[in-house]
Amino acid sequence: MLKTVLLFALALALGPAMADQPCTPFEGGRVDPGLLQIMREAASNGRLYRVDPQASKVGFCVRHFPGQEFRGEFTNIIGGLVFPPLSAQHGQALLLIRTASLSSENTTLLPLVTGQDFFDASHYPEILFVGHTAHWLNNTEGHIHGDLTLHGVTQPVTFSLALRPLEDGEEERPARILLQGRGQVQRTSFNMNSYRFFVSETVQLCLDVELVPWQ
């Protein structure tokens, strides 16, 4: 069923509130207009999938002294997936996360993580991932390489990806897809330099999103 997804483009589609205007928040130079055009063409011919915000999250975890781990999840996510008409060797991606949507069971450290020393949500309200190239190992597993803009800094990031259809749809396209991605970044590469002797340099990233056809 997912043979047409051997190589694909992950990209933006607005949520239901503005579903008739895909990509509008990314105009004005924020994102390459060519990528926005790909998304609009996909929406017009039924190949655009969007993130279901009720069933999706982007999480991270980082170790800190004394041998513990902080886990957080962002739940305000805009994104989507495009099935290309033909197999290609490159993929493009957009994923937008609202920083203020971060939640954690560790309510003691949460204000510190969202504060000026780390995510600084008041000054950097959005996290943006723009993918450039997708390499697939088989019809459901692969990697996507791109740029992550976080805390006002842009750095290259690679995610390993896994796709799984959850519901059958029409024309060999599933009605719902689970997309899981895993990656890691070095926090000091994004100018998050505070508490270097108490907080790990490496931050693990994980995407768990469900996608449905854009309408």
N, C-alpha and C. Protein backbone atom coordinates (compact mmCIF):
# COMPACT_ATOMS: atom_id res chain seq x y z
N MET A 1 0.82 -1.21 0.00
CA MET A 1 0.00 0.00 0.00
C MET A 1 0.85 1.26 0.00
N LEU A 2 2.01 1.19 0.66
CA LEU A 2 2.83 2.39 0.77
C LEU A 2 3.96 2.42 -0.25
N LYS A 3 3.79 1.68 -1.36
CA LYS A 3 4.85 1.69 -2.37
C LYS A 3 5.05 3.08 -2.94
N THR A 4 3.97 3.85 -3.03
CA THR A 4 4.10 5.21 -3.55
C THR A 4 4.78 6.16 -2.59
N VAL A 5 5.11 5.66 -1.37
CA VAL A 5 5.75 6.50 -0.38
C VAL A 5 7.23 6.18 -0.26
N LEU A 6 7.78 5.46 -1.21
CA LEU A 6 9.20 5.11 -1.14
C LEU A 6 10.05 6.36 -0.95
N LEU A 7 9.67 7.43 -1.61
CA LEU A 7 10.29 8.73 -1.39
C LEU A 7 9.18 9.75 -1.42
N PHE A 8 9.22 10.72 -0.52
CA PHE A 8 8.07 11.60 -0.37
C PHE A 8 8.52 12.97 0.11
N ALA A 9 7.58 13.89 0.19
CA ALA A 9 7.84 15.20 0.76
C ALA A 9 6.96 15.37 1.98
N LEU A 10 7.58 15.68 3.11
CA LEU A 10 6.84 16.08 4.30
C LEU A 10 6.67 17.58 4.21
N ALA A 11 5.47 18.10 4.42
CA ALA A 11 5.34 19.54 4.28
C ALA A 11 4.13 20.06 5.02
N LEU A 12 3.98 21.37 4.93
CA LEU A 12 2.99 22.07 5.73
C LEU A 12 1.57 21.94 5.20
N ALA A 13 0.62 21.76 6.11
CA ALA A 13 -0.80 21.92 5.80
C ALA A 13 -1.45 22.46 7.05
N LEU A 14 -2.20 23.52 6.94
CA LEU A 14 -2.79 24.10 8.14
C LEU A 14 -3.83 23.18 8.75
N GLY A 15 -4.12 23.41 10.01
CA GLY A 15 -5.13 22.64 10.71
C GLY A 15 -6.52 23.00 10.23
N PRO A 16 -7.52 22.34 10.81
CA PRO A 16 -8.89 22.50 10.34
C PRO A 16 -9.39 23.93 10.36
N ALA A 17 -8.87 24.77 11.28
CA ALA A 17 -9.39 26.13 11.41
C ALA A 17 -9.16 26.95 10.14
N MET A 18 -8.07 26.65 9.38
CA MET A 18 -7.78 27.39 8.17
C MET A 18 -7.41 26.41 7.06
N ALA A 19 -8.11 25.29 7.01
CA ALA A 19 -7.75 24.23 6.09
C ALA A 19 -7.89 24.63 4.64
N ASP A 20 -8.66 25.73 4.32
CA ASP A 20 -8.83 26.15 2.95
C ASP A 20 -7.67 27.01 2.48
N GLN A 21 -6.70 27.30 3.32
CA GLN A 21 -5.56 28.14 2.97
C GLN A 21 -4.25 27.47 3.40
N PRO A 22 -3.87 26.37 2.77
CA PRO A 22 -2.62 25.70 3.16
C PRO A 22 -1.42 26.58 2.92
N CYS A 23 -0.49 26.57 3.85
CA CYS A 23 0.81 27.23 3.74
C CYS A 23 0.80 28.74 3.96
N THR A 24 -0.34 29.34 4.24
CA THR A 24 -0.40 30.79 4.40
C THR A 24 0.61 31.34 5.42
N PRO A 25 0.79 30.73 6.60
CA PRO A 25 1.73 31.29 7.59
C PRO A 25 3.18 31.26 7.15
N PHE A 26 3.49 30.54 6.07
CA PHE A 26 4.88 30.39 5.66
C PHE A 26 5.23 31.23 4.43
N GLU A 27 4.32 32.11 4.05
CA GLU A 27 4.60 33.02 2.96
C GLU A 27 5.50 34.16 3.44
N GLY A 28 5.87 35.05 2.53
CA GLY A 28 6.66 36.21 2.90
C GLY A 28 8.12 35.92 3.15
N GLY A 29 8.65 34.84 2.58
CA GLY A 29 10.07 34.57 2.68
C GLY A 29 10.49 33.61 3.77
N ARG A 30 9.56 33.16 4.59
CA ARG A 30 9.93 32.24 5.66
C ARG A 30 10.35 30.89 5.11
N VAL A 31 9.71 30.48 4.03
CA VAL A 31 9.98 29.18 3.41
C VAL A 31 10.09 29.39 1.90
N ASP A 32 10.94 28.61 1.27
CA ASP A 32 11.11 28.67 -0.18
C ASP A 32 9.75 28.60 -0.88
N PRO A 33 9.43 29.59 -1.72
CA PRO A 33 8.14 29.57 -2.42
C PRO A 33 7.92 28.31 -3.26
N GLY A 34 9.01 27.72 -3.75
CA GLY A 34 8.87 26.49 -4.52
C GLY A 34 8.27 25.37 -3.71
N LEU A 35 8.65 25.28 -2.44
CA LEU A 35 8.09 24.26 -1.57
C LEU A 35 6.61 24.52 -1.29
N LEU A 36 6.26 25.79 -1.09
CA LEU A 36 4.86 26.13 -0.87
C LEU A 36 4.02 25.77 -2.10
N GLN A 37 4.60 25.95 -3.28
CA GLN A 37 3.87 25.60 -4.49
C GLN A 37 3.64 24.09 -4.59
N ILE A 38 4.65 23.30 -4.17
CA ILE A 38 4.48 21.85 -4.13
C ILE A 38 3.30 21.47 -3.26
N MET A 39 3.18 22.12 -2.11
CA MET A 39 2.11 21.80 -1.19
C MET A 39 0.75 22.14 -1.76
N ARG A 40 0.66 23.30 -2.41
CA ARG A 40 -0.63 23.71 -2.95
C ARG A 40 -1.05 22.83 -4.12
N GLU A 41 -0.10 22.43 -4.92
CA GLU A 41 -0.43 21.51 -6.01
C GLU A 41 -0.89 20.16 -5.45
N ALA A 42 -0.21 19.70 -4.39
CA ALA A 42 -0.61 18.43 -3.77
C ALA A 42 -2.01 18.52 -3.19
N ALA A 43 -2.33 19.65 -2.58
CA ALA A 43 -3.67 19.82 -2.01
C ALA A 43 -4.74 19.80 -3.10
N SER A 44 -4.41 20.33 -4.27
CA SER A 44 -5.40 20.43 -5.34
C SER A 44 -5.69 19.08 -5.99
N ASN A 45 -4.75 18.12 -5.90
CA ASN A 45 -4.99 16.83 -6.54
C ASN A 45 -5.09 15.66 -5.55
N GLY A 46 -5.32 16.00 -4.27
CA GLY A 46 -5.63 14.96 -3.29
C GLY A 46 -4.46 14.19 -2.75
N ARG A 47 -3.23 14.70 -2.87
CA ARG A 47 -2.06 13.99 -2.37
C ARG A 47 -1.53 14.53 -1.05
N LEU A 48 -2.18 15.51 -0.49
CA LEU A 48 -1.70 16.14 0.74
C LEU A 48 -2.33 15.50 1.97
N TYR A 49 -1.49 15.09 2.91
CA TYR A 49 -1.92 14.61 4.23
C TYR A 49 -1.51 15.64 5.26
N ARG A 50 -2.34 15.79 6.29
CA ARG A 50 -2.02 16.75 7.34
C ARG A 50 -1.91 16.04 8.69
N VAL A 51 -1.21 16.68 9.59
CA VAL A 51 -1.09 16.17 10.95
C VAL A 51 -2.44 16.27 11.66
N ASP A 52 -2.82 15.20 12.31
CA ASP A 52 -3.99 15.22 13.19
C ASP A 52 -3.52 15.68 14.57
N PRO A 53 -3.80 16.91 14.98
CA PRO A 53 -3.25 17.44 16.23
C PRO A 53 -3.74 16.72 17.47
N GLN A 54 -4.90 16.05 17.38
CA GLN A 54 -5.42 15.35 18.53
C GLN A 54 -4.69 14.04 18.81
N ALA A 55 -3.92 13.57 17.84
CA ALA A 55 -3.26 12.27 17.98
C ALA A 55 -1.76 12.37 17.73
N SER A 56 -1.18 13.58 17.86
CA SER A 56 0.21 13.78 17.48
C SER A 56 0.98 14.54 18.56
N LYS A 57 2.29 14.27 18.60
CA LYS A 57 3.15 14.96 19.54
C LYS A 57 4.60 14.89 19.05
N VAL A 58 5.36 15.87 19.47
CA VAL A 58 6.81 15.88 19.24
C VAL A 58 7.46 15.95 20.61
N GLY A 59 8.26 14.94 20.93
CA GLY A 59 8.85 14.87 22.26
C GLY A 59 10.36 14.98 22.24
N PHE A 60 10.92 15.19 23.41
CA PHE A 60 12.37 15.20 23.56
C PHE A 60 12.71 14.74 24.97
N CYS A 61 13.94 14.30 25.14
CA CYS A 61 14.41 13.95 26.48
C CYS A 61 15.89 14.31 26.58
N VAL A 62 16.30 14.71 27.78
CA VAL A 62 17.69 15.09 28.04
C VAL A 62 18.03 14.69 29.47
N ARG A 63 19.21 14.17 29.64
CA ARG A 63 19.65 13.73 30.96
C ARG A 63 20.23 14.90 31.74
N HIS A 64 20.02 14.87 33.07
CA HIS A 64 20.54 15.93 33.91
C HIS A 64 20.98 15.35 35.25
N PHE A 65 21.79 16.09 35.95
CA PHE A 65 22.28 15.67 37.26
C PHE A 65 21.11 15.64 38.26
N PRO A 66 21.08 14.61 39.12
CA PRO A 66 22.03 13.51 39.30
C PRO A 66 21.52 12.21 38.65
N GLY A 67 21.85 11.97 37.42
CA GLY A 67 21.49 10.74 36.72
C GLY A 67 20.02 10.61 36.41
N GLN A 68 19.33 11.72 36.21
CA GLN A 68 17.91 11.69 35.91
C GLN A 68 17.66 12.17 34.48
N GLU A 69 16.40 12.13 34.06
CA GLU A 69 16.05 12.48 32.70
C GLU A 69 14.82 13.37 32.69
N PHE A 70 14.90 14.45 31.92
CA PHE A 70 13.74 15.32 31.73
C PHE A 70 13.10 14.97 30.40
N ARG A 71 11.78 14.74 30.42
CA ARG A 71 11.02 14.45 29.21
C ARG A 71 9.95 15.50 29.01
N GLY A 72 9.84 15.97 27.79
CA GLY A 72 8.82 16.96 27.47
C GLY A 72 8.17 16.64 26.14
N GLU A 73 6.97 17.20 25.92
CA GLU A 73 6.22 16.98 24.69
C GLU A 73 5.59 18.28 24.21
N PHE A 74 5.72 18.54 22.92
CA PHE A 74 5.02 19.63 22.27
C PHE A 74 3.77 19.05 21.60
N THR A 75 2.64 19.72 21.76
CA THR A 75 1.39 19.19 21.22
C THR A 75 0.73 20.11 20.21
N ASN A 76 1.25 21.32 20.04
CA ASN A 76 0.71 22.24 19.03
C ASN A 76 1.62 22.17 17.81
N ILE A 77 1.21 21.36 16.83
CA ILE A 77 2.06 21.03 15.69
C ILE A 77 1.30 21.28 14.39
N ILE A 78 1.96 21.87 13.42
CA ILE A 78 1.41 22.04 12.08
C ILE A 78 2.32 21.29 11.13
N GLY A 79 1.76 20.45 10.27
CA GLY A 79 2.60 19.72 9.34
C GLY A 79 1.79 18.81 8.45
N GLY A 80 2.45 18.07 7.61
CA GLY A 80 1.75 17.17 6.72
C GLY A 80 2.68 16.34 5.88
N LEU A 81 2.10 15.56 4.99
CA LEU A 81 2.85 14.65 4.15
C LEU A 81 2.25 14.64 2.76
N VAL A 82 3.11 14.65 1.73
CA VAL A 82 2.67 14.63 0.35
C VAL A 82 3.13 13.34 -0.32
N PHE A 83 2.19 12.67 -0.97
CA PHE A 83 2.56 11.52 -1.81
C PHE A 83 2.92 12.05 -3.19
N PRO A 84 4.12 11.85 -3.68
CA PRO A 84 4.47 12.34 -5.02
C PRO A 84 3.83 11.47 -6.10
N PRO A 85 3.62 12.05 -7.27
CA PRO A 85 3.02 11.25 -8.34
C PRO A 85 3.95 10.15 -8.84
N LEU A 86 5.25 10.37 -8.76
CA LEU A 86 6.24 9.39 -9.19
C LEU A 86 7.31 9.27 -8.13
N SER A 87 7.99 8.13 -8.10
CA SER A 87 9.10 7.97 -7.17
C SER A 87 10.21 8.96 -7.53
N ALA A 88 10.84 9.52 -6.52
CA ALA A 88 11.93 10.47 -6.72
C ALA A 88 13.02 10.17 -5.70
N GLN A 89 14.13 10.86 -5.81
CA GLN A 89 15.25 10.60 -4.91
C GLN A 89 15.38 11.66 -3.83
N HIS A 90 14.50 12.62 -3.84
CA HIS A 90 14.60 13.69 -2.85
C HIS A 90 13.24 13.95 -2.23
N GLY A 91 13.27 14.39 -1.00
CA GLY A 91 12.05 14.75 -0.30
C GLY A 91 12.25 16.10 0.35
N GLN A 92 11.15 16.81 0.58
CA GLN A 92 11.19 18.08 1.27
C GLN A 92 10.23 18.02 2.45
N ALA A 93 10.50 18.80 3.47
CA ALA A 93 9.68 18.71 4.67
C ALA A 93 9.53 20.06 5.35
N LEU A 94 8.37 20.27 5.95
CA LEU A 94 8.13 21.39 6.84
C LEU A 94 7.37 20.87 8.05
N LEU A 95 7.82 21.26 9.21
CA LEU A 95 7.11 20.93 10.44
C LEU A 95 7.25 22.11 11.38
N LEU A 96 6.15 22.66 11.81
CA LEU A 96 6.14 23.83 12.68
C LEU A 96 5.58 23.46 14.04
N ILE A 97 6.29 23.83 15.09
CA ILE A 97 5.90 23.50 16.47
C ILE A 97 5.81 24.80 17.27
N ARG A 98 4.74 24.95 18.01
CA ARG A 98 4.59 26.12 18.90
C ARG A 98 5.28 25.80 20.23
N THR A 99 6.31 26.56 20.53
CA THR A 99 7.16 26.26 21.69
C THR A 99 6.38 26.30 23.00
N ALA A 100 5.42 27.19 23.11
CA ALA A 100 4.67 27.34 24.35
C ALA A 100 3.79 26.14 24.66
N SER A 101 3.62 25.21 23.72
CA SER A 101 2.78 24.04 23.96
C SER A 101 3.52 22.94 24.70
N LEU A 102 4.76 23.21 25.12
CA LEU A 102 5.55 22.20 25.84
C LEU A 102 4.88 21.84 27.17
N SER A 103 4.79 20.53 27.42
CA SER A 103 4.28 20.03 28.70
C SER A 103 5.22 18.94 29.20
N SER A 104 5.16 18.68 30.51
CA SER A 104 6.00 17.65 31.11
C SER A 104 5.41 17.24 32.44
N GLU A 105 5.65 15.98 32.81
CA GLU A 105 5.25 15.53 34.14
C GLU A 105 6.14 16.16 35.21
N ASN A 106 7.32 16.62 34.80
CA ASN A 106 8.24 17.27 35.75
C ASN A 106 7.88 18.75 35.82
N THR A 107 6.89 19.08 36.60
CA THR A 107 6.42 20.46 36.69
C THR A 107 7.41 21.37 37.40
N THR A 108 8.34 20.79 38.13
CA THR A 108 9.33 21.60 38.83
C THR A 108 10.33 22.22 37.86
N LEU A 109 10.80 21.42 36.89
CA LEU A 109 11.79 21.91 35.94
C LEU A 109 11.18 22.55 34.71
N LEU A 110 9.89 22.36 34.48
CA LEU A 110 9.26 22.87 33.26
C LEU A 110 9.46 24.38 33.08
N PRO A 111 9.26 25.23 34.09
CA PRO A 111 9.49 26.67 33.88
C PRO A 111 10.93 26.99 33.49
N LEU A 112 11.88 26.24 34.01
CA LEU A 112 13.29 26.46 33.66
C LEU A 112 13.54 26.10 32.19
N VAL A 113 12.95 24.99 31.74
CA VAL A 113 13.17 24.53 30.37
C VAL A 113 12.54 25.49 29.36
N THR A 114 11.36 26.03 29.65
CA THR A 114 10.71 26.96 28.74
C THR A 114 11.26 28.38 28.88
N GLY A 115 12.05 28.63 29.92
CA GLY A 115 12.56 29.97 30.20
C GLY A 115 13.77 30.36 29.37
N GLN A 116 14.37 31.47 29.72
CA GLN A 116 15.43 32.09 28.94
C GLN A 116 16.67 31.23 28.79
N ASP A 117 16.95 30.37 29.76
CA ASP A 117 18.17 29.56 29.71
C ASP A 117 18.11 28.44 28.68
N PHE A 118 16.91 28.06 28.25
CA PHE A 118 16.80 26.95 27.30
C PHE A 118 15.92 27.37 26.12
N PHE A 119 14.65 26.94 26.04
CA PHE A 119 13.85 27.23 24.86
C PHE A 119 13.49 28.70 24.70
N ASP A 120 13.40 29.44 25.80
CA ASP A 120 13.08 30.87 25.76
C ASP A 120 11.84 31.11 24.90
N ALA A 121 10.74 30.48 25.29
CA ALA A 121 9.52 30.47 24.49
C ALA A 121 8.97 31.88 24.24
N SER A 122 9.21 32.82 25.12
CA SER A 122 8.68 34.16 24.93
C SER A 122 9.36 34.88 23.77
N HIS A 123 10.65 34.58 23.52
CA HIS A 123 11.37 35.21 22.43
C HIS A 123 11.41 34.36 21.16
N TYR A 124 11.29 33.03 21.33
CA TYR A 124 11.35 32.12 20.19
C TYR A 124 10.12 31.21 20.23
N PRO A 125 8.98 31.72 19.78
CA PRO A 125 7.71 30.99 19.95
C PRO A 125 7.53 29.81 19.01
N GLU A 126 8.43 29.64 18.03
CA GLU A 126 8.25 28.56 17.06
C GLU A 126 9.54 27.78 16.84
N ILE A 127 9.37 26.51 16.54
CA ILE A 127 10.46 25.63 16.11
C ILE A 127 10.10 25.14 14.72
N LEU A 128 11.04 25.24 13.78
CA LEU A 128 10.76 24.91 12.38
C LEU A 128 11.76 23.89 11.86
N PHE A 129 11.24 22.83 11.24
CA PHE A 129 12.09 21.86 10.56
C PHE A 129 11.78 21.89 9.07
N VAL A 130 12.83 22.06 8.25
CA VAL A 130 12.69 22.05 6.80
C VAL A 130 13.58 20.94 6.26
N GLY A 131 12.99 19.91 5.68
CA GLY A 131 13.75 18.79 5.15
C GLY A 131 14.22 19.04 3.72
N HIS A 132 15.35 18.40 3.36
CA HIS A 132 15.92 18.57 2.03
C HIS A 132 15.94 17.27 1.23
N THR A 133 16.32 16.18 1.86
CA THR A 133 16.53 14.93 1.13
C THR A 133 16.03 13.75 1.94
N ALA A 134 15.33 12.83 1.28
CA ALA A 134 14.87 11.60 1.92
C ALA A 134 15.54 10.40 1.27
N HIS A 135 16.06 9.50 2.09
CA HIS A 135 16.64 8.25 1.61
C HIS A 135 15.90 7.10 2.28
N TRP A 136 15.32 6.20 1.49
CA TRP A 136 14.51 5.12 2.03
C TRP A 136 15.24 3.79 1.94
N LEU A 137 15.21 3.06 3.04
CA LEU A 137 15.81 1.72 3.10
C LEU A 137 14.86 0.67 2.53
N ASN A 138 13.58 0.88 2.69
CA ASN A 138 12.53 0.02 2.13
C ASN A 138 11.28 0.88 2.01
N ASN A 139 10.13 0.26 1.84
CA ASN A 139 8.92 1.04 1.61
C ASN A 139 8.33 1.67 2.86
N THR A 140 8.90 1.43 4.02
CA THR A 140 8.36 2.03 5.24
C THR A 140 9.41 2.64 6.15
N GLU A 141 10.70 2.48 5.85
CA GLU A 141 11.76 2.98 6.75
C GLU A 141 12.80 3.75 5.95
N GLY A 142 13.30 4.82 6.55
CA GLY A 142 14.33 5.60 5.89
C GLY A 142 14.80 6.75 6.75
N HIS A 143 15.41 7.75 6.10
CA HIS A 143 15.94 8.92 6.79
C HIS A 143 15.59 10.17 6.00
N ILE A 144 15.41 11.26 6.72
CA ILE A 144 15.23 12.55 6.07
C ILE A 144 16.21 13.54 6.68
N HIS A 145 16.89 14.29 5.82
CA HIS A 145 17.91 15.25 6.23
C HIS A 145 17.38 16.66 5.99
N GLY A 146 17.61 17.53 6.94
CA GLY A 146 17.12 18.89 6.78
C GLY A 146 17.72 19.83 7.80
N ASP A 147 17.06 20.98 7.98
CA ASP A 147 17.53 22.02 8.89
C ASP A 147 16.49 22.28 9.96
N LEU A 148 16.95 22.38 11.19
CA LEU A 148 16.10 22.68 12.33
C LEU A 148 16.43 24.07 12.83
N THR A 149 15.40 24.93 12.91
CA THR A 149 15.57 26.26 13.48
C THR A 149 14.97 26.26 14.87
N LEU A 150 15.83 26.49 15.85
CA LEU A 150 15.47 26.39 17.26
C LEU A 150 16.24 27.44 18.03
N HIS A 151 15.56 28.17 18.90
CA HIS A 151 16.23 29.18 19.73
C HIS A 151 16.97 30.20 18.86
N GLY A 152 16.41 30.48 17.67
CA GLY A 152 17.00 31.46 16.78
C GLY A 152 18.20 31.01 15.98
N VAL A 153 18.51 29.72 16.03
CA VAL A 153 19.68 29.16 15.35
C VAL A 153 19.22 28.03 14.43
N THR A 154 19.81 27.94 13.25
CA THR A 154 19.50 26.87 12.30
C THR A 154 20.68 25.93 12.16
N GLN A 155 20.42 24.63 12.32
CA GLN A 155 21.47 23.61 12.24
C GLN A 155 20.93 22.39 11.49
N PRO A 156 21.82 21.63 10.81
CA PRO A 156 21.36 20.41 10.13
C PRO A 156 20.98 19.32 11.11
N VAL A 157 19.92 18.58 10.76
CA VAL A 157 19.42 17.49 11.60
C VAL A 157 18.95 16.36 10.68
N THR A 158 19.16 15.11 11.12
CA THR A 158 18.66 13.96 10.40
C THR A 158 17.71 13.17 11.29
N PHE A 159 16.56 12.80 10.74
CA PHE A 159 15.61 11.96 11.44
C PHE A 159 15.52 10.61 10.75
N SER A 160 15.54 9.54 11.52
CA SER A 160 15.15 8.23 11.00
C SER A 160 13.62 8.16 11.03
N LEU A 161 13.03 7.57 10.01
CA LEU A 161 11.58 7.58 9.87
C LEU A 161 11.02 6.18 9.72
N ALA A 162 9.81 6.00 10.20
CA ALA A 162 9.06 4.76 10.00
C ALA A 162 7.61 5.13 9.73
N LEU A 163 7.03 4.52 8.70
CA LEU A 163 5.64 4.76 8.33
C LEU A 163 4.83 3.50 8.52
N ARG A 164 3.58 3.68 9.01
CA ARG A 164 2.70 2.52 9.17
C ARG A 164 1.26 2.95 8.88
N PRO A 165 0.59 2.31 7.91
CA PRO A 165 -0.81 2.65 7.65
C PRO A 165 -1.70 2.17 8.79
N LEU A 166 -2.62 3.01 9.22
CA LEU A 166 -3.53 2.66 10.30
C LEU A 166 -4.93 2.36 9.80
N GLU A 167 -5.31 2.97 8.68
CA GLU A 167 -6.63 2.74 8.09
C GLU A 167 -6.50 2.73 6.58
N ASP A 168 -7.25 1.84 5.93
CA ASP A 168 -7.25 1.78 4.48
C ASP A 168 -8.04 2.95 3.90
N GLY A 169 -7.59 3.39 2.72
CA GLY A 169 -8.29 4.45 2.04
C GLY A 169 -8.58 4.09 0.60
N GLU A 170 -8.65 5.09 -0.26
CA GLU A 170 -8.96 4.87 -1.66
C GLU A 170 -7.70 4.99 -2.51
N GLU A 171 -7.70 4.34 -3.68
CA GLU A 171 -6.63 4.44 -4.67
C GLU A 171 -5.27 4.10 -4.06
N GLU A 172 -5.24 3.06 -3.25
CA GLU A 172 -4.01 2.57 -2.61
C GLU A 172 -3.36 3.61 -1.70
N ARG A 173 -4.13 4.59 -1.28
CA ARG A 173 -3.63 5.58 -0.33
C ARG A 173 -4.34 5.38 1.00
N PRO A 174 -3.60 5.20 2.08
CA PRO A 174 -4.24 4.97 3.38
C PRO A 174 -5.03 6.17 3.85
N ALA A 175 -6.06 5.93 4.65
CA ALA A 175 -6.88 6.99 5.21
C ALA A 175 -6.26 7.59 6.47
N ARG A 176 -5.32 6.88 7.06
CA ARG A 176 -4.60 7.38 8.24
C ARG A 176 -3.25 6.70 8.31
N ILE A 177 -2.21 7.49 8.62
CA ILE A 177 -0.84 6.99 8.66
C ILE A 177 -0.19 7.39 9.98
N LEU A 178 0.54 6.47 10.57
CA LEU A 178 1.39 6.79 11.72
C LEU A 178 2.80 7.04 11.22
N LEU A 179 3.32 8.21 11.50
CA LEU A 179 4.69 8.58 11.15
C LEU A 179 5.50 8.74 12.43
N GLN A 180 6.57 7.98 12.55
CA GLN A 180 7.46 8.07 13.71
C GLN A 180 8.84 8.46 13.24
N GLY A 181 9.44 9.42 13.92
CA GLY A 181 10.78 9.87 13.58
C GLY A 181 11.64 10.00 14.82
N ARG A 182 12.92 9.69 14.67
CA ARG A 182 13.86 9.78 15.79
C ARG A 182 15.14 10.49 15.34
N GLY A 183 15.67 11.35 16.20
CA GLY A 183 16.90 12.06 15.90
C GLY A 183 17.51 12.61 17.16
N GLN A 184 18.60 13.35 17.02
CA GLN A 184 19.21 13.99 18.18
C GLN A 184 19.95 15.25 17.75
N VAL A 185 20.08 16.17 18.70
CA VAL A 185 20.82 17.41 18.46
C VAL A 185 21.72 17.69 19.66
N GLN A 186 22.68 18.57 19.45
CA GLN A 186 23.53 19.05 20.53
C GLN A 186 23.01 20.42 20.95
N ARG A 187 22.58 20.56 22.18
CA ARG A 187 21.88 21.78 22.59
C ARG A 187 22.75 23.02 22.50
N THR A 188 24.07 22.88 22.73
CA THR A 188 24.93 24.06 22.65
C THR A 188 25.09 24.55 21.22
N SER A 189 24.77 23.71 20.23
CA SER A 189 24.79 24.17 18.84
C SER A 189 23.68 25.17 18.58
N PHE A 190 22.68 25.20 19.47
CA PHE A 190 21.57 26.14 19.35
C PHE A 190 21.66 27.23 20.43
N ASN A 191 22.87 27.47 20.92
CA ASN A 191 23.12 28.51 21.93
C ASN A 191 22.35 28.28 23.22
N MET A 192 22.11 27.02 23.55
CA MET A 192 21.56 26.67 24.86
C MET A 192 22.73 26.22 25.73
N ASN A 193 23.43 27.18 26.29
CA ASN A 193 24.71 26.91 26.95
C ASN A 193 24.64 26.84 28.47
N SER A 194 23.49 27.09 29.05
CA SER A 194 23.38 27.14 30.51
C SER A 194 23.50 25.75 31.14
N TYR A 195 24.01 25.70 32.35
CA TYR A 195 24.08 24.48 33.17
C TYR A 195 24.84 23.36 32.44
N ARG A 196 25.96 23.70 31.81
CA ARG A 196 26.67 22.72 30.99
C ARG A 196 27.24 21.57 31.81
N PHE A 197 27.47 21.79 33.10
CA PHE A 197 28.00 20.72 33.95
C PHE A 197 26.89 19.89 34.61
N PHE A 198 25.63 20.30 34.40
CA PHE A 198 24.52 19.62 35.05
C PHE A 198 23.52 19.01 34.06
N VAL A 199 23.55 19.47 32.81
CA VAL A 199 22.60 19.00 31.81
C VAL A 199 23.37 18.44 30.62
N SER A 200 22.94 17.30 30.11
CA SER A 200 23.62 16.64 28.99
C SER A 200 23.67 17.53 27.76
N GLU A 201 24.72 17.39 26.98
CA GLU A 201 24.85 18.10 25.71
C GLU A 201 23.86 17.57 24.68
N THR A 202 23.62 16.27 24.68
CA THR A 202 22.79 15.62 23.67
C THR A 202 21.33 15.61 24.08
N VAL A 203 20.47 15.99 23.14
CA VAL A 203 19.02 15.97 23.34
C VAL A 203 18.42 15.01 22.32
N GLN A 204 17.67 14.04 22.79
CA GLN A 204 17.00 13.07 21.92
C GLN A 204 15.65 13.63 21.48
N LEU A 205 15.35 13.50 20.18
CA LEU A 205 14.10 14.00 19.62
C LEU A 205 13.26 12.84 19.11
N CYS A 206 11.95 12.94 19.24
CA CYS A 206 11.07 11.88 18.73
C CYS A 206 9.77 12.48 18.21
N LEU A 207 9.39 12.05 17.02
CA LEU A 207 8.13 12.46 16.39
C LEU A 207 7.18 11.29 16.41
N ASP A 208 5.97 11.51 16.85
CA ASP A 208 4.91 10.51 16.81
C ASP A 208 3.65 11.22 16.34
N VAL A 209 3.40 11.19 15.04
CA VAL A 209 2.28 11.94 14.49
C VAL A 209 1.40 11.02 13.63
N GLU A 210 0.13 11.31 13.65
CA GLU A 210 -0.81 10.62 12.78
C GLU A 210 -1.28 11.62 11.72
N LEU A 211 -1.35 11.13 10.48
CA LEU A 211 -1.69 11.97 9.35
C LEU A 211 -2.94 11.47 8.66
N VAL A 212 -3.77 12.40 8.23
CA VAL A 212 -5.01 12.08 7.53
C VAL A 212 -5.09 12.92 6.26
N PRO A 213 -5.85 12.49 5.26
CA PRO A 213 -5.95 13.27 4.02
C PRO A 213 -6.43 14.68 4.28
N TRP A 214 -5.81 15.63 3.62
CA TRP A 214 -6.21 17.03 3.72
C TRP A 214 -7.51 17.26 2.96
N GLN A 215 -8.43 17.96 3.58
CA GLN A 215 -9.72 18.28 2.93
C GLN A 215 -10.08 19.72 3.15
